[in-house]
Amino acid sequence: MKRLILLLLLCVLLCLAACGKGTETPATAAPEGQTATAAPATEAPSAKPTQTPTEAPATAEPTPEATPEATPEATPEATPEPTPEPTPDITPDPTPTPFPGHAQIDTSSPALLRGTADMGQEYIDSITFLGDSTTYGLKAYAVLTDGKKTKQVWTPSNGTLTLSYQGFVDIWYPDEDVEISIRDAVERKKPERMIITLGVNGIAFMDKDYFISEYTDLVTSIQEISPDTQIILQSIFPIASNYEYQKDINNVKICDANTWILSVAEATGVKFLNTYTVLIGDNGYMNDKYQNGDGLHLNGDGFAVVLDYIRTHGYVKTED
């Protein structure tokens, strides 16, 4: 019995001893001939020092680059409406003094060219002048752009043209330095504008019907050949008081003939230019300062007045 008790006690002690060594690392069995070395105790990993993490600096949201304020588009200054250039004064038509026995032009006629603004030298340069010796003076006095070399004047080589000869006479055609008929010249040139001044020689022997018939034939022929040509029939110029042959050619006959010329213009749809009014003086004759001394033909000053009248009584073609 005592042995049994001692044996139980021994068992208890052995159990206790075994429990006390449970946490130790068992020795590694050394190979024979070497002292067994206890295995080093494994250190528990040192806890890393608690470190308050440095807060990452708040990343500043990128400051948007300052968008340049849109430069307001410059409001265009209101363009002032152009001040219209003053319209050149329109030359008032002179009112001729009526003289006994002098026929007057119908100023209400649609064919009559009235005052306009100055059409300029370009307008004069666009005109072909067909006529008698009163037209030849434009070349003789060198009043056109090319002076005495002008190609704007159409007369026969002798410088004069009678209305009754218009159907067969040759004129000097300066563009080609040849003598050809009026109709052939029109065909070749097709003038932009034409001023016809005829009749002063014809009134010495032509009656109204004959005069109108010849003039109408000339105008309609030109219209058929060159329908785009602007045709202007110019009045016959007055004579001065010293003209020698007033029995045959005088201002009474001239005024009558000018009304016939106006009737041709009306009938054919062309224009009439009443230059007579700026050449006549207070005494019923051509102003002496405009004549060359023979009482019939103009001088340089007279032609200057006529050309100015033409410029300020322009042919302004209107739309139909």
Protein backbone atom coordinates (compact mmCIF):
# COMPACT_ATOMS: atom_id res chain seq x y z
CA MET A 1 0.00 0.00 0.00
CA LYS A 2 2.73 2.44 0.86
CA ARG A 3 4.40 1.58 -2.39
CA LEU A 4 1.28 2.43 -4.24
CA ILE A 5 1.01 5.79 -2.58
CA LEU A 6 4.66 6.62 -3.28
CA LEU A 7 4.24 5.60 -6.88
CA LEU A 8 1.25 7.97 -7.27
CA LEU A 9 3.19 10.84 -5.70
CA LEU A 10 6.09 10.20 -8.02
CA CYS A 11 3.76 10.32 -11.01
CA VAL A 12 2.28 13.61 -9.83
CA LEU A 13 5.75 15.19 -9.42
CA LEU A 14 6.84 14.05 -12.85
CA CYS A 15 3.73 15.58 -14.38
CA LEU A 16 4.38 18.89 -12.64
CA ALA A 17 8.00 18.90 -13.77
CA ALA A 18 7.02 18.24 -17.33
CA CYS A 19 4.51 21.14 -17.29
CA GLY A 20 7.16 23.58 -16.02
CA LYS A 21 9.52 22.95 -18.96
CA GLY A 22 6.88 23.15 -21.72
CA THR A 23 7.83 26.70 -22.91
CA GLU A 24 11.57 26.04 -23.19
CA THR A 25 13.04 25.16 -26.50
CA PRO A 26 14.24 21.65 -26.35
CA ALA A 27 17.96 21.25 -26.81
CA THR A 28 19.11 20.21 -30.12
CA ALA A 29 20.64 16.89 -30.03
CA ALA A 30 24.29 17.34 -30.82
CA PRO A 31 26.08 14.92 -33.01
CA GLU A 32 28.26 12.52 -31.13
CA GLY A 33 31.47 14.08 -29.70
CA GLN A 34 30.03 17.60 -29.45
CA THR A 35 28.44 19.23 -26.48
CA ALA A 36 24.87 19.93 -27.06
CA THR A 37 24.24 23.67 -27.35
CA ALA A 38 20.99 25.06 -26.34
CA ALA A 39 19.24 26.71 -29.24
CA PRO A 40 19.21 30.46 -28.80
CA ALA A 41 15.99 31.77 -27.67
CA THR A 42 14.14 33.30 -30.57
CA GLU A 43 13.56 36.98 -29.78
CA ALA A 44 10.14 38.16 -30.27
CA PRO A 45 10.25 40.68 -33.03
CA SER A 46 10.70 44.11 -31.57
CA ALA A 47 7.64 46.13 -32.08
CA LYS A 48 8.46 49.03 -34.37
CA PRO A 49 8.19 52.24 -32.51
CA THR A 50 4.81 53.59 -32.89
CA GLN A 51 5.23 56.49 -35.16
CA THR A 52 2.58 59.01 -35.77
CA PRO A 53 2.50 58.98 -39.46
CA THR A 54 3.28 62.31 -40.82
CA GLU A 55 0.21 63.36 -42.62
CA ALA A 56 0.99 63.86 -46.17
CA PRO A 57 0.55 67.48 -46.84
CA ALA A 58 -2.74 67.96 -48.40
CA THR A 59 -2.12 68.11 -52.06
CA ALA A 60 -3.39 71.44 -53.08
CA GLU A 61 -5.72 71.11 -55.92
CA PRO A 62 -3.97 72.66 -58.82
CA THR A 63 -4.87 76.23 -58.92
CA PRO A 64 -6.30 76.66 -62.31
CA GLU A 65 -4.23 79.05 -64.27
CA ALA A 66 -6.00 82.27 -64.26
CA THR A 67 -7.94 82.25 -67.43
CA PRO A 68 -7.36 85.62 -68.85
CA GLU A 69 -10.53 87.42 -68.86
CA ALA A 70 -11.78 87.43 -72.35
CA THR A 71 -10.85 90.72 -73.74
CA PRO A 72 -14.13 92.07 -74.81
CA GLU A 73 -14.12 92.49 -78.48
CA ALA A 74 -13.82 96.05 -79.19
CA THR A 75 -17.18 97.19 -80.23
CA PRO A 76 -16.47 98.77 -83.50
CA GLU A 77 -17.12 102.36 -83.24
CA ALA A 78 -20.18 103.12 -85.15
CA THR A 79 -18.89 104.04 -88.55
CA PRO A 80 -20.31 107.38 -89.20
CA GLU A 81 -22.36 107.39 -92.29
CA PRO A 82 -20.32 109.01 -94.97
CA THR A 83 -21.27 112.53 -95.46
CA PRO A 84 -22.45 112.67 -99.01
CA GLU A 85 -20.28 114.84 -101.12
CA PRO A 86 -22.12 117.91 -102.05
CA THR A 87 -23.76 117.44 -105.37
CA PRO A 88 -22.18 119.83 -107.79
CA ASP A 89 -24.44 122.68 -108.52
CA ILE A 90 -26.50 122.06 -111.58
CA THR A 91 -26.01 124.83 -114.04
CA PRO A 92 -29.33 126.55 -114.50
CA ASP A 93 -30.36 126.86 -118.09
CA PRO A 94 -30.16 130.42 -119.25
CA THR A 95 -33.44 131.95 -120.24
CA PRO A 96 -32.85 133.60 -123.58
CA THR A 97 -34.47 136.91 -124.14
CA PRO A 98 -37.16 136.41 -126.75
CA PHE A 99 -36.50 138.56 -129.77
CA PRO A 100 -39.13 139.51 -132.35
CA GLY A 101 -39.42 136.84 -135.02
CA HIS A 102 -37.06 134.39 -133.19
CA ALA A 103 -38.70 131.01 -132.69
CA GLN A 104 -38.26 129.55 -129.20
CA ILE A 105 -37.33 126.01 -128.27
CA ASP A 106 -39.99 124.04 -126.39
CA THR A 107 -38.35 123.68 -122.99
CA SER A 108 -40.79 120.94 -121.98
CA SER A 109 -39.63 118.62 -124.76
CA PRO A 110 -38.45 115.17 -123.52
CA ALA A 111 -35.65 115.34 -126.10
CA LEU A 112 -34.12 118.47 -124.56
CA LEU A 113 -30.98 117.91 -122.46
CA ARG A 114 -31.34 119.84 -119.23
CA GLY A 115 -28.80 120.87 -116.62
CA THR A 116 -26.91 118.07 -114.87
CA ALA A 117 -23.94 117.81 -112.58
CA ASP A 118 -20.64 118.27 -114.38
CA MET A 119 -20.04 115.07 -116.36
CA GLY A 120 -16.30 115.73 -116.46
CA GLN A 121 -13.59 115.65 -119.09
CA GLU A 122 -14.03 111.90 -119.53
CA TYR A 123 -17.50 112.60 -120.89
CA ILE A 124 -16.13 115.08 -123.44
CA ASP A 125 -13.42 112.59 -124.43
CA SER A 126 -16.08 109.98 -125.22
CA ILE A 127 -17.77 112.13 -127.88
CA THR A 128 -17.30 112.11 -131.64
CA PHE A 129 -18.16 115.51 -133.15
CA LEU A 130 -19.67 115.36 -136.66
CA GLY A 131 -20.40 118.62 -138.40
CA ASP A 132 -19.58 121.58 -140.56
CA SER A 133 -17.02 124.36 -140.22
CA THR A 134 -18.45 125.34 -136.82
CA THR A 135 -17.40 121.87 -135.66
CA TYR A 136 -14.01 121.95 -137.39
CA GLY A 137 -13.07 124.82 -135.05
CA LEU A 138 -12.78 122.30 -132.18
CA LYS A 139 -9.69 120.97 -133.96
CA ALA A 140 -8.43 124.31 -135.26
CA TYR A 141 -8.43 125.83 -131.76
CA ALA A 142 -7.05 122.63 -130.17
CA VAL A 143 -9.65 122.64 -127.40
CA LEU A 144 -10.05 118.85 -127.14
CA THR A 145 -7.74 116.50 -125.23
CA ASP A 146 -5.34 115.76 -128.11
CA GLY A 147 -5.36 119.28 -129.45
CA LYS A 148 -4.90 119.58 -133.19
CA LYS A 149 -4.16 115.84 -133.36
CA THR A 150 -7.61 114.97 -132.06
CA LYS A 151 -9.47 112.08 -133.64
CA GLN A 152 -12.80 113.24 -132.24
CA VAL A 153 -13.67 115.63 -135.08
CA TRP A 154 -15.33 114.36 -138.27
CA THR A 155 -15.63 116.83 -141.16
CA PRO A 156 -14.70 116.72 -144.83
CA SER A 157 -11.06 117.51 -145.52
CA ASN A 158 -12.04 121.07 -146.55
CA GLY A 159 -13.47 121.61 -143.04
CA THR A 160 -17.11 122.18 -143.93
CA LEU A 161 -20.22 120.08 -144.55
CA THR A 162 -23.60 121.07 -145.93
CA LEU A 163 -26.59 119.12 -144.59
CA SER A 164 -27.91 118.37 -148.08
CA TYR A 165 -24.65 116.55 -148.87
CA GLN A 166 -24.81 114.17 -145.92
CA GLY A 167 -25.85 111.14 -147.98
CA PHE A 168 -22.86 111.08 -150.33
CA VAL A 169 -20.04 113.33 -149.10
CA ASP A 170 -16.82 111.84 -147.74
CA ILE A 171 -15.39 112.93 -144.43
CA TRP A 172 -11.83 112.64 -143.18
CA TYR A 173 -11.75 109.59 -140.92
CA PRO A 174 -8.85 110.37 -138.55
CA ASP A 175 -8.53 106.87 -137.05
CA GLU A 176 -7.25 105.58 -140.39
CA ASP A 177 -6.29 108.83 -142.18
CA VAL A 178 -8.66 108.13 -145.05
CA GLU A 179 -11.66 109.81 -146.64
CA ILE A 180 -14.78 107.69 -146.37
CA SER A 181 -18.51 108.23 -146.12
CA ILE A 182 -20.18 109.13 -142.83
CA ARG A 183 -21.88 105.75 -142.75
CA ASP A 184 -18.65 103.83 -143.33
CA ALA A 185 -16.98 105.82 -140.56
CA VAL A 186 -19.83 105.00 -138.17
CA GLU A 187 -19.58 101.32 -139.12
CA ARG A 188 -15.86 101.26 -138.32
CA LYS A 189 -15.91 103.40 -135.20
CA LYS A 190 -19.25 102.61 -133.57
CA PRO A 191 -18.92 105.81 -131.50
CA GLU A 192 -20.00 105.79 -127.88
CA ARG A 193 -21.53 109.24 -128.23
CA MET A 194 -21.92 111.54 -131.20
CA ILE A 195 -22.80 115.24 -131.34
CA ILE A 196 -24.02 116.37 -134.74
CA THR A 197 -23.91 120.07 -135.60
CA LEU A 198 -25.28 120.73 -139.05
CA GLY A 199 -27.61 123.07 -140.90
CA VAL A 200 -26.12 126.55 -140.87
CA ASN A 201 -25.21 126.31 -144.57
CA GLY A 202 -28.45 124.53 -145.45
CA ILE A 203 -30.77 127.22 -144.16
CA ALA A 204 -29.63 129.49 -147.00
CA PHE A 205 -31.57 127.37 -149.50
CA MET A 206 -33.40 124.47 -147.73
CA ASP A 207 -37.00 124.71 -146.68
CA LYS A 208 -38.39 123.02 -143.57
CA ASP A 209 -39.42 119.72 -145.16
CA TYR A 210 -36.17 119.33 -147.09
CA PHE A 211 -34.15 120.20 -144.02
CA ILE A 212 -36.02 117.74 -141.75
CA SER A 213 -35.91 114.97 -144.37
CA GLU A 214 -32.13 115.13 -144.78
CA TYR A 215 -31.48 115.38 -141.06
CA THR A 216 -33.81 112.48 -140.29
CA ASP A 217 -32.13 110.32 -142.94
CA LEU A 218 -28.73 110.94 -141.38
CA VAL A 219 -29.87 110.15 -137.83
CA THR A 220 -31.79 106.99 -138.70
CA SER A 221 -28.87 105.69 -140.79
CA ILE A 222 -26.52 106.09 -137.83
CA GLN A 223 -29.03 104.40 -135.55
CA GLU A 224 -29.32 101.40 -137.88
CA ILE A 225 -25.54 101.01 -138.20
CA SER A 226 -24.66 101.65 -134.54
CA PRO A 227 -27.76 101.32 -132.34
CA ASP A 228 -25.80 101.78 -129.10
CA THR A 229 -24.40 105.19 -130.06
CA GLN A 230 -25.89 107.99 -127.99
CA ILE A 231 -26.80 110.67 -130.54
CA ILE A 232 -27.11 114.33 -129.61
CA LEU A 233 -28.27 116.96 -132.10
CA GLN A 234 -26.75 120.31 -131.26
CA SER A 235 -28.44 123.59 -132.09
CA ILE A 236 -26.97 125.79 -134.79
CA PHE A 237 -24.88 128.55 -133.20
CA PRO A 238 -26.11 132.16 -133.58
CA ILE A 239 -24.29 134.60 -135.82
CA ALA A 240 -22.76 137.85 -134.61
CA SER A 241 -23.97 141.27 -135.72
CA ASN A 242 -21.02 141.75 -138.06
CA TYR A 243 -21.72 138.67 -140.19
CA GLU A 244 -21.61 139.73 -143.84
CA TYR A 245 -24.23 137.46 -145.41
CA GLN A 246 -27.21 137.94 -143.18
CA LYS A 247 -29.62 137.99 -146.08
CA ASP A 248 -29.02 134.23 -146.48
CA ILE A 249 -28.04 133.21 -142.94
CA ASN A 250 -29.43 135.10 -139.97
CA ASN A 251 -30.64 134.37 -136.44
CA VAL A 252 -34.31 134.31 -137.41
CA LYS A 253 -33.63 131.46 -139.83
CA ILE A 254 -31.29 129.79 -137.33
CA CYS A 255 -33.94 129.83 -134.58
CA ASP A 256 -36.48 128.32 -136.98
CA ALA A 257 -34.03 125.61 -137.98
CA ASN A 258 -33.26 124.79 -134.34
CA THR A 259 -36.93 124.00 -133.77
CA TRP A 260 -36.78 121.70 -136.81
CA ILE A 261 -33.75 119.94 -135.37
CA LEU A 262 -35.59 119.49 -132.06
CA SER A 263 -38.49 117.88 -133.96
CA VAL A 264 -36.05 115.43 -135.58
CA ALA A 265 -34.68 114.54 -132.15
CA GLU A 266 -38.19 113.93 -130.83
CA ALA A 267 -39.20 111.81 -133.81
CA THR A 268 -36.09 109.62 -133.75
CA GLY A 269 -35.72 109.31 -129.96
CA VAL A 270 -32.37 111.11 -129.69
CA LYS A 271 -31.39 114.17 -127.65
CA PHE A 272 -31.21 117.89 -128.41
CA LEU A 273 -28.61 120.26 -126.96
CA ASN A 274 -29.61 123.92 -126.97
CA THR A 275 -26.14 125.49 -126.91
CA TYR A 276 -27.56 128.54 -128.69
CA THR A 277 -28.69 129.93 -125.33
CA VAL A 278 -25.17 130.38 -123.89
CA LEU A 279 -23.78 132.11 -126.99
CA ILE A 280 -26.52 134.65 -127.65
CA GLY A 281 -26.03 138.16 -126.35
CA ASP A 282 -28.50 140.70 -125.06
CA ASN A 283 -28.75 142.28 -128.50
CA GLY A 284 -30.04 139.12 -130.18
CA TYR A 285 -26.69 138.24 -131.76
CA MET A 286 -23.77 136.05 -130.78
CA ASN A 287 -21.81 137.62 -127.97
CA ASP A 288 -18.81 139.23 -129.67
CA LYS A 289 -16.36 137.80 -127.16
CA TYR A 290 -17.13 134.32 -128.51
CA GLN A 291 -16.64 134.94 -132.25
CA ASN A 292 -13.44 134.77 -134.25
CA GLY A 293 -14.08 137.99 -136.18
CA ASP A 294 -16.06 136.77 -139.19
CA GLY A 295 -19.36 136.81 -137.28
CA LEU A 296 -20.06 133.12 -137.98
CA HIS A 297 -17.37 130.99 -136.32
CA LEU A 298 -16.42 130.64 -132.67
CA ASN A 299 -13.04 131.42 -131.14
CA GLY A 300 -11.32 129.48 -128.36
CA ASP A 301 -13.39 131.19 -125.66
CA GLY A 302 -16.59 130.38 -127.51
CA PHE A 303 -15.67 126.71 -127.76
CA ALA A 304 -14.76 126.64 -124.07
CA VAL A 305 -18.27 127.89 -123.23
CA VAL A 306 -19.83 125.27 -125.54
CA LEU A 307 -17.79 122.41 -124.06
CA ASP A 308 -18.70 123.51 -120.55
CA TYR A 309 -22.36 123.52 -121.54
CA ILE A 310 -22.03 120.01 -122.98
CA ARG A 311 -20.42 118.78 -119.73
CA THR A 312 -23.19 120.25 -117.61
CA HIS A 313 -26.04 119.07 -119.84
CA GLY A 314 -25.05 115.44 -120.06
CA TYR A 315 -26.76 112.55 -121.77
CA VAL A 316 -27.75 110.40 -118.79
CA LYS A 317 -29.20 107.21 -120.18
CA THR A 318 -31.99 105.88 -117.98
CA GLU A 319 -33.31 102.35 -117.73
CA ASP A 320 -36.42 101.69 -119.73
